[in-house]
Amino acid sequence: MIELLWIALYFAVGHMVVWIQNHGQFLFDSWKDNIWPSLLISPLAAYCFIIATKKAVPYYGNLWGPRLTGFSSGIVVFTFLTYIMFAEGVTLKTAICLLLSMAIILIQVFL
């Protein structure tokens, strides 16, 4: 179970970095016309996703488990960061997507 927590942590940090890469232009004035900050943090996201996948494939015993876990964790991270940083509320559609993402993660973990 500890291994799964590490996998989740690496996926979450990777998705947080990607979220900042994509949305930093709306948060930081210096990023509006400057792509370099986003490019410079790219290796951190890549590292997190590579390590998460490296740990997750043996854990799940296939490639689908890490893919679905990574996808679903990205939905969860995106929802929370967008809510926190931009105060975009959770609509019914977003709530359903969150529930489906969490269901995917639970299926991967427990089945």
N, C-alpha and C. Protein backbone atom coordinates (compact mmCIF):
# COMPACT_ATOMS: atom_id res chain seq x y z
N MET A 1 0.82 -1.20 0.00
CA MET A 1 0.00 0.00 0.00
C MET A 1 0.87 1.27 0.00
N ILE A 2 2.01 1.21 0.65
CA ILE A 2 2.93 2.36 0.65
C ILE A 2 3.39 2.66 -0.78
N GLU A 3 3.63 1.61 -1.54
CA GLU A 3 4.05 1.80 -2.94
C GLU A 3 2.99 2.57 -3.72
N LEU A 4 1.74 2.25 -3.49
CA LEU A 4 0.66 2.94 -4.18
C LEU A 4 0.61 4.42 -3.80
N LEU A 5 0.90 4.75 -2.55
CA LEU A 5 0.94 6.15 -2.13
C LEU A 5 2.06 6.91 -2.85
N TRP A 6 3.21 6.26 -3.01
CA TRP A 6 4.31 6.89 -3.75
C TRP A 6 3.92 7.10 -5.21
N ILE A 7 3.28 6.10 -5.79
CA ILE A 7 2.84 6.22 -7.19
C ILE A 7 1.88 7.40 -7.32
N ALA A 8 0.92 7.48 -6.41
CA ALA A 8 -0.06 8.57 -6.44
C ALA A 8 0.62 9.92 -6.26
N LEU A 9 1.59 9.98 -5.37
CA LEU A 9 2.31 11.23 -5.13
C LEU A 9 3.06 11.69 -6.37
N TYR A 10 3.77 10.78 -7.02
CA TYR A 10 4.50 11.14 -8.24
C TYR A 10 3.56 11.59 -9.35
N PHE A 11 2.45 10.86 -9.54
CA PHE A 11 1.49 11.29 -10.55
C PHE A 11 0.91 12.67 -10.20
N ALA A 12 0.57 12.89 -8.94
CA ALA A 12 -0.02 14.17 -8.53
C ALA A 12 0.95 15.32 -8.75
N VAL A 13 2.19 15.16 -8.33
CA VAL A 13 3.19 16.23 -8.52
C VAL A 13 3.40 16.49 -10.01
N GLY A 14 3.48 15.44 -10.80
CA GLY A 14 3.63 15.61 -12.25
C GLY A 14 2.48 16.41 -12.83
N HIS A 15 1.26 16.08 -12.43
CA HIS A 15 0.10 16.81 -12.94
C HIS A 15 0.06 18.25 -12.43
N MET A 16 0.53 18.47 -11.20
CA MET A 16 0.60 19.84 -10.69
C MET A 16 1.57 20.69 -11.52
N VAL A 17 2.70 20.11 -11.85
CA VAL A 17 3.68 20.84 -12.66
C VAL A 17 3.11 21.15 -14.04
N VAL A 18 2.45 20.18 -14.64
CA VAL A 18 1.85 20.40 -15.96
C VAL A 18 0.75 21.46 -15.87
N TRP A 19 -0.02 21.44 -14.79
CA TRP A 19 -1.05 22.45 -14.62
C TRP A 19 -0.42 23.85 -14.57
N ILE A 20 0.67 23.98 -13.81
CA ILE A 20 1.37 25.27 -13.73
C ILE A 20 1.94 25.65 -15.08
N GLN A 21 2.50 24.68 -15.81
CA GLN A 21 3.02 24.97 -17.14
C GLN A 21 1.94 25.57 -18.04
N ASN A 22 0.79 24.95 -18.04
CA ASN A 22 -0.28 25.37 -18.95
C ASN A 22 -1.02 26.62 -18.49
N HIS A 23 -1.13 26.81 -17.18
CA HIS A 23 -1.95 27.91 -16.69
C HIS A 23 -1.15 29.02 -16.01
N GLY A 24 0.15 28.85 -15.94
CA GLY A 24 1.02 29.88 -15.35
C GLY A 24 0.91 31.21 -16.07
N GLN A 25 0.62 31.15 -17.36
CA GLN A 25 0.46 32.39 -18.13
C GLN A 25 -0.70 33.24 -17.64
N PHE A 26 -1.65 32.63 -16.97
CA PHE A 26 -2.79 33.37 -16.42
C PHE A 26 -2.58 33.76 -14.95
N LEU A 27 -1.54 33.18 -14.35
CA LEU A 27 -1.25 33.46 -12.94
C LEU A 27 -0.12 34.46 -12.76
N PHE A 28 0.88 34.38 -13.63
CA PHE A 28 2.09 35.20 -13.47
C PHE A 28 2.24 36.10 -14.69
N ASP A 29 2.31 37.41 -14.45
CA ASP A 29 2.46 38.36 -15.55
C ASP A 29 3.72 38.08 -16.37
N SER A 30 4.78 37.67 -15.70
CA SER A 30 6.04 37.44 -16.40
C SER A 30 5.98 36.24 -17.34
N TRP A 31 4.97 35.40 -17.21
CA TRP A 31 4.83 34.21 -18.08
C TRP A 31 3.95 34.47 -19.30
N LYS A 32 3.26 35.59 -19.32
CA LYS A 32 2.30 35.85 -20.40
C LYS A 32 2.94 35.78 -21.78
N ASP A 33 4.07 36.40 -21.95
CA ASP A 33 4.74 36.42 -23.25
C ASP A 33 6.09 35.71 -23.20
N ASN A 34 6.29 34.87 -22.21
CA ASN A 34 7.57 34.19 -22.03
C ASN A 34 7.32 32.70 -21.79
N ILE A 35 7.68 31.90 -22.76
CA ILE A 35 7.43 30.46 -22.67
C ILE A 35 8.51 29.74 -21.86
N TRP A 36 9.63 30.39 -21.61
CA TRP A 36 10.77 29.71 -20.97
C TRP A 36 10.52 29.17 -19.58
N PRO A 37 9.80 29.87 -18.72
CA PRO A 37 9.54 29.26 -17.40
C PRO A 37 8.82 27.91 -17.52
N SER A 38 7.87 27.84 -18.43
CA SER A 38 7.16 26.57 -18.63
C SER A 38 8.09 25.50 -19.16
N LEU A 39 8.94 25.88 -20.09
CA LEU A 39 9.87 24.90 -20.65
C LEU A 39 10.88 24.43 -19.61
N LEU A 40 11.30 25.33 -18.75
CA LEU A 40 12.32 24.97 -17.76
C LEU A 40 11.82 24.02 -16.68
N ILE A 41 10.52 24.02 -16.42
CA ILE A 41 10.01 23.08 -15.41
C ILE A 41 9.54 21.76 -16.03
N SER A 42 9.63 21.65 -17.34
CA SER A 42 9.23 20.42 -18.02
C SER A 42 9.96 19.18 -17.53
N PRO A 43 11.27 19.25 -17.30
CA PRO A 43 11.95 18.04 -16.83
C PRO A 43 11.40 17.50 -15.51
N LEU A 44 10.91 18.37 -14.63
CA LEU A 44 10.35 17.91 -13.37
C LEU A 44 9.08 17.08 -13.60
N ALA A 45 8.22 17.55 -14.49
CA ALA A 45 7.01 16.80 -14.82
C ALA A 45 7.37 15.46 -15.45
N ALA A 46 8.29 15.49 -16.40
CA ALA A 46 8.72 14.25 -17.06
C ALA A 46 9.28 13.26 -16.05
N TYR A 47 10.13 13.75 -15.15
CA TYR A 47 10.72 12.89 -14.12
C TYR A 47 9.63 12.23 -13.27
N CYS A 48 8.66 13.03 -12.82
CA CYS A 48 7.59 12.49 -11.97
C CYS A 48 6.79 11.42 -12.71
N PHE A 49 6.44 11.66 -13.96
CA PHE A 49 5.65 10.69 -14.71
C PHE A 49 6.46 9.42 -15.01
N ILE A 50 7.74 9.58 -15.30
CA ILE A 50 8.58 8.40 -15.56
C ILE A 50 8.70 7.55 -14.31
N ILE A 51 8.97 8.17 -13.17
CA ILE A 51 9.11 7.42 -11.92
C ILE A 51 7.77 6.79 -11.52
N ALA A 52 6.68 7.53 -11.66
CA ALA A 52 5.36 6.97 -11.33
C ALA A 52 5.08 5.74 -12.17
N THR A 53 5.36 5.82 -13.46
CA THR A 53 5.12 4.69 -14.35
C THR A 53 6.06 3.54 -14.04
N LYS A 54 7.31 3.85 -13.75
CA LYS A 54 8.29 2.82 -13.41
C LYS A 54 7.86 2.03 -12.17
N LYS A 55 7.29 2.73 -11.20
CA LYS A 55 6.82 2.07 -9.98
C LYS A 55 5.47 1.38 -10.19
N ALA A 56 4.62 1.97 -11.03
CA ALA A 56 3.25 1.49 -11.18
C ALA A 56 3.13 0.23 -12.04
N VAL A 57 3.96 0.10 -13.06
CA VAL A 57 3.85 -1.09 -13.92
C VAL A 57 4.06 -2.37 -13.13
N PRO A 58 5.12 -2.50 -12.33
CA PRO A 58 5.23 -3.72 -11.53
C PRO A 58 4.11 -3.85 -10.49
N TYR A 59 3.67 -2.73 -9.94
CA TYR A 59 2.60 -2.78 -8.93
C TYR A 59 1.32 -3.36 -9.53
N TYR A 60 0.93 -2.84 -10.70
CA TYR A 60 -0.31 -3.28 -11.34
C TYR A 60 -0.10 -4.55 -12.18
N GLY A 61 1.11 -4.74 -12.67
CA GLY A 61 1.38 -5.90 -13.51
C GLY A 61 0.97 -5.71 -14.96
N ASN A 62 0.70 -4.46 -15.35
CA ASN A 62 0.35 -4.16 -16.75
C ASN A 62 0.55 -2.67 -17.00
N LEU A 63 0.33 -2.26 -18.24
CA LEU A 63 0.47 -0.84 -18.59
C LEU A 63 -0.83 -0.05 -18.42
N TRP A 64 -1.96 -0.75 -18.42
CA TRP A 64 -3.24 -0.06 -18.32
C TRP A 64 -3.47 0.55 -16.95
N GLY A 65 -3.08 -0.13 -15.91
CA GLY A 65 -3.27 0.39 -14.55
C GLY A 65 -2.63 1.76 -14.36
N PRO A 66 -1.33 1.90 -14.69
CA PRO A 66 -0.70 3.22 -14.55
C PRO A 66 -1.33 4.27 -15.46
N ARG A 67 -1.74 3.89 -16.66
CA ARG A 67 -2.32 4.85 -17.58
C ARG A 67 -3.64 5.40 -17.03
N LEU A 68 -4.49 4.50 -16.58
CA LEU A 68 -5.78 4.93 -16.05
C LEU A 68 -5.64 5.68 -14.74
N THR A 69 -4.71 5.25 -13.90
CA THR A 69 -4.46 5.95 -12.64
C THR A 69 -3.92 7.35 -12.91
N GLY A 70 -2.98 7.46 -13.85
CA GLY A 70 -2.41 8.76 -14.21
C GLY A 70 -3.46 9.69 -14.79
N PHE A 71 -4.29 9.17 -15.68
CA PHE A 71 -5.36 9.98 -16.28
C PHE A 71 -6.32 10.48 -15.21
N SER A 72 -6.76 9.58 -14.37
CA SER A 72 -7.74 9.94 -13.34
C SER A 72 -7.17 10.91 -12.32
N SER A 73 -5.92 10.70 -11.94
CA SER A 73 -5.31 11.63 -10.98
C SER A 73 -5.16 13.02 -11.60
N GLY A 74 -4.95 13.07 -12.91
CA GLY A 74 -4.88 14.36 -13.60
C GLY A 74 -6.19 15.12 -13.53
N ILE A 75 -7.31 14.41 -13.66
CA ILE A 75 -8.62 15.05 -13.55
C ILE A 75 -8.82 15.62 -12.15
N VAL A 76 -8.44 14.84 -11.15
CA VAL A 76 -8.61 15.28 -9.76
C VAL A 76 -7.72 16.49 -9.47
N VAL A 77 -6.46 16.43 -9.85
CA VAL A 77 -5.53 17.55 -9.62
C VAL A 77 -6.00 18.80 -10.36
N PHE A 78 -6.40 18.65 -11.62
CA PHE A 78 -6.87 19.79 -12.39
C PHE A 78 -8.07 20.45 -11.71
N THR A 79 -9.01 19.64 -11.26
CA THR A 79 -10.21 20.19 -10.63
C THR A 79 -9.86 20.99 -9.39
N PHE A 80 -9.03 20.42 -8.52
CA PHE A 80 -8.70 21.12 -7.27
C PHE A 80 -7.86 22.37 -7.51
N LEU A 81 -6.87 22.30 -8.39
CA LEU A 81 -6.04 23.48 -8.63
C LEU A 81 -6.84 24.59 -9.31
N THR A 82 -7.71 24.22 -10.23
CA THR A 82 -8.53 25.23 -10.90
C THR A 82 -9.50 25.88 -9.92
N TYR A 83 -10.03 25.08 -9.01
CA TYR A 83 -10.92 25.63 -7.98
C TYR A 83 -10.16 26.56 -7.03
N ILE A 84 -8.98 26.13 -6.59
CA ILE A 84 -8.20 26.91 -5.63
C ILE A 84 -7.63 28.17 -6.26
N MET A 85 -7.04 28.05 -7.45
CA MET A 85 -6.32 29.18 -8.04
C MET A 85 -7.20 30.14 -8.83
N PHE A 86 -8.29 29.63 -9.41
CA PHE A 86 -9.15 30.48 -10.23
C PHE A 86 -10.58 30.58 -9.72
N ALA A 87 -10.87 29.94 -8.60
CA ALA A 87 -12.20 29.97 -7.98
C ALA A 87 -13.29 29.53 -8.95
N GLU A 88 -12.94 28.62 -9.86
CA GLU A 88 -13.94 28.04 -10.74
C GLU A 88 -14.66 26.94 -9.99
N GLY A 89 -15.93 27.11 -9.82
CA GLY A 89 -16.70 26.15 -9.05
C GLY A 89 -16.82 24.80 -9.71
N VAL A 90 -17.26 23.85 -8.94
CA VAL A 90 -17.48 22.50 -9.43
C VAL A 90 -18.93 22.40 -9.90
N THR A 91 -19.11 22.26 -11.20
CA THR A 91 -20.45 22.10 -11.76
C THR A 91 -20.87 20.64 -11.64
N LEU A 92 -22.09 20.37 -11.99
CA LEU A 92 -22.58 19.00 -11.97
C LEU A 92 -21.74 18.13 -12.90
N LYS A 93 -21.42 18.65 -14.07
CA LYS A 93 -20.61 17.91 -15.03
C LYS A 93 -19.23 17.60 -14.46
N THR A 94 -18.61 18.58 -13.81
CA THR A 94 -17.30 18.38 -13.20
C THR A 94 -17.39 17.37 -12.05
N ALA A 95 -18.43 17.48 -11.25
CA ALA A 95 -18.60 16.55 -10.13
C ALA A 95 -18.75 15.11 -10.63
N ILE A 96 -19.49 14.93 -11.70
CA ILE A 96 -19.65 13.59 -12.26
C ILE A 96 -18.32 13.07 -12.78
N CYS A 97 -17.56 13.92 -13.45
CA CYS A 97 -16.24 13.52 -13.95
C CYS A 97 -15.31 13.15 -12.79
N LEU A 98 -15.37 13.92 -11.72
CA LEU A 98 -14.56 13.60 -10.54
C LEU A 98 -14.95 12.24 -9.96
N LEU A 99 -16.22 12.01 -9.83
CA LEU A 99 -16.68 10.72 -9.31
C LEU A 99 -16.24 9.57 -10.21
N LEU A 100 -16.35 9.75 -11.50
CA LEU A 100 -15.91 8.71 -12.44
C LEU A 100 -14.40 8.49 -12.34
N SER A 101 -13.65 9.58 -12.21
CA SER A 101 -12.19 9.45 -12.07
C SER A 101 -11.81 8.70 -10.80
N MET A 102 -12.49 9.04 -9.72
CA MET A 102 -12.21 8.34 -8.46
C MET A 102 -12.63 6.87 -8.55
N ALA A 103 -13.72 6.60 -9.27
CA ALA A 103 -14.14 5.21 -9.47
C ALA A 103 -13.09 4.45 -10.26
N ILE A 104 -12.52 5.07 -11.28
CA ILE A 104 -11.47 4.43 -12.07
C ILE A 104 -10.28 4.08 -11.19
N ILE A 105 -9.88 5.02 -10.35
CA ILE A 105 -8.75 4.77 -9.45
C ILE A 105 -9.07 3.62 -8.50
N LEU A 106 -10.26 3.63 -7.90
CA LEU A 106 -10.64 2.57 -6.98
C LEU A 106 -10.70 1.21 -7.68
N ILE A 107 -11.19 1.18 -8.89
CA ILE A 107 -11.21 -0.08 -9.66
C ILE A 107 -9.80 -0.58 -9.89
N GLN A 108 -8.89 0.32 -10.23
CA GLN A 108 -7.51 -0.09 -10.49
C GLN A 108 -6.85 -0.61 -9.21
N VAL A 109 -7.18 -0.03 -8.09
CA VAL A 109 -6.54 -0.41 -6.83
C VAL A 109 -7.11 -1.70 -6.26
N PHE A 110 -8.43 -1.84 -6.30
CA PHE A 110 -9.06 -2.93 -5.58
C PHE A 110 -9.51 -4.12 -6.43
N LEU A 111 -9.50 -4.00 -7.73
CA LEU A 111 -9.90 -5.14 -8.58
C LEU A 111 -8.74 -5.68 -9.39
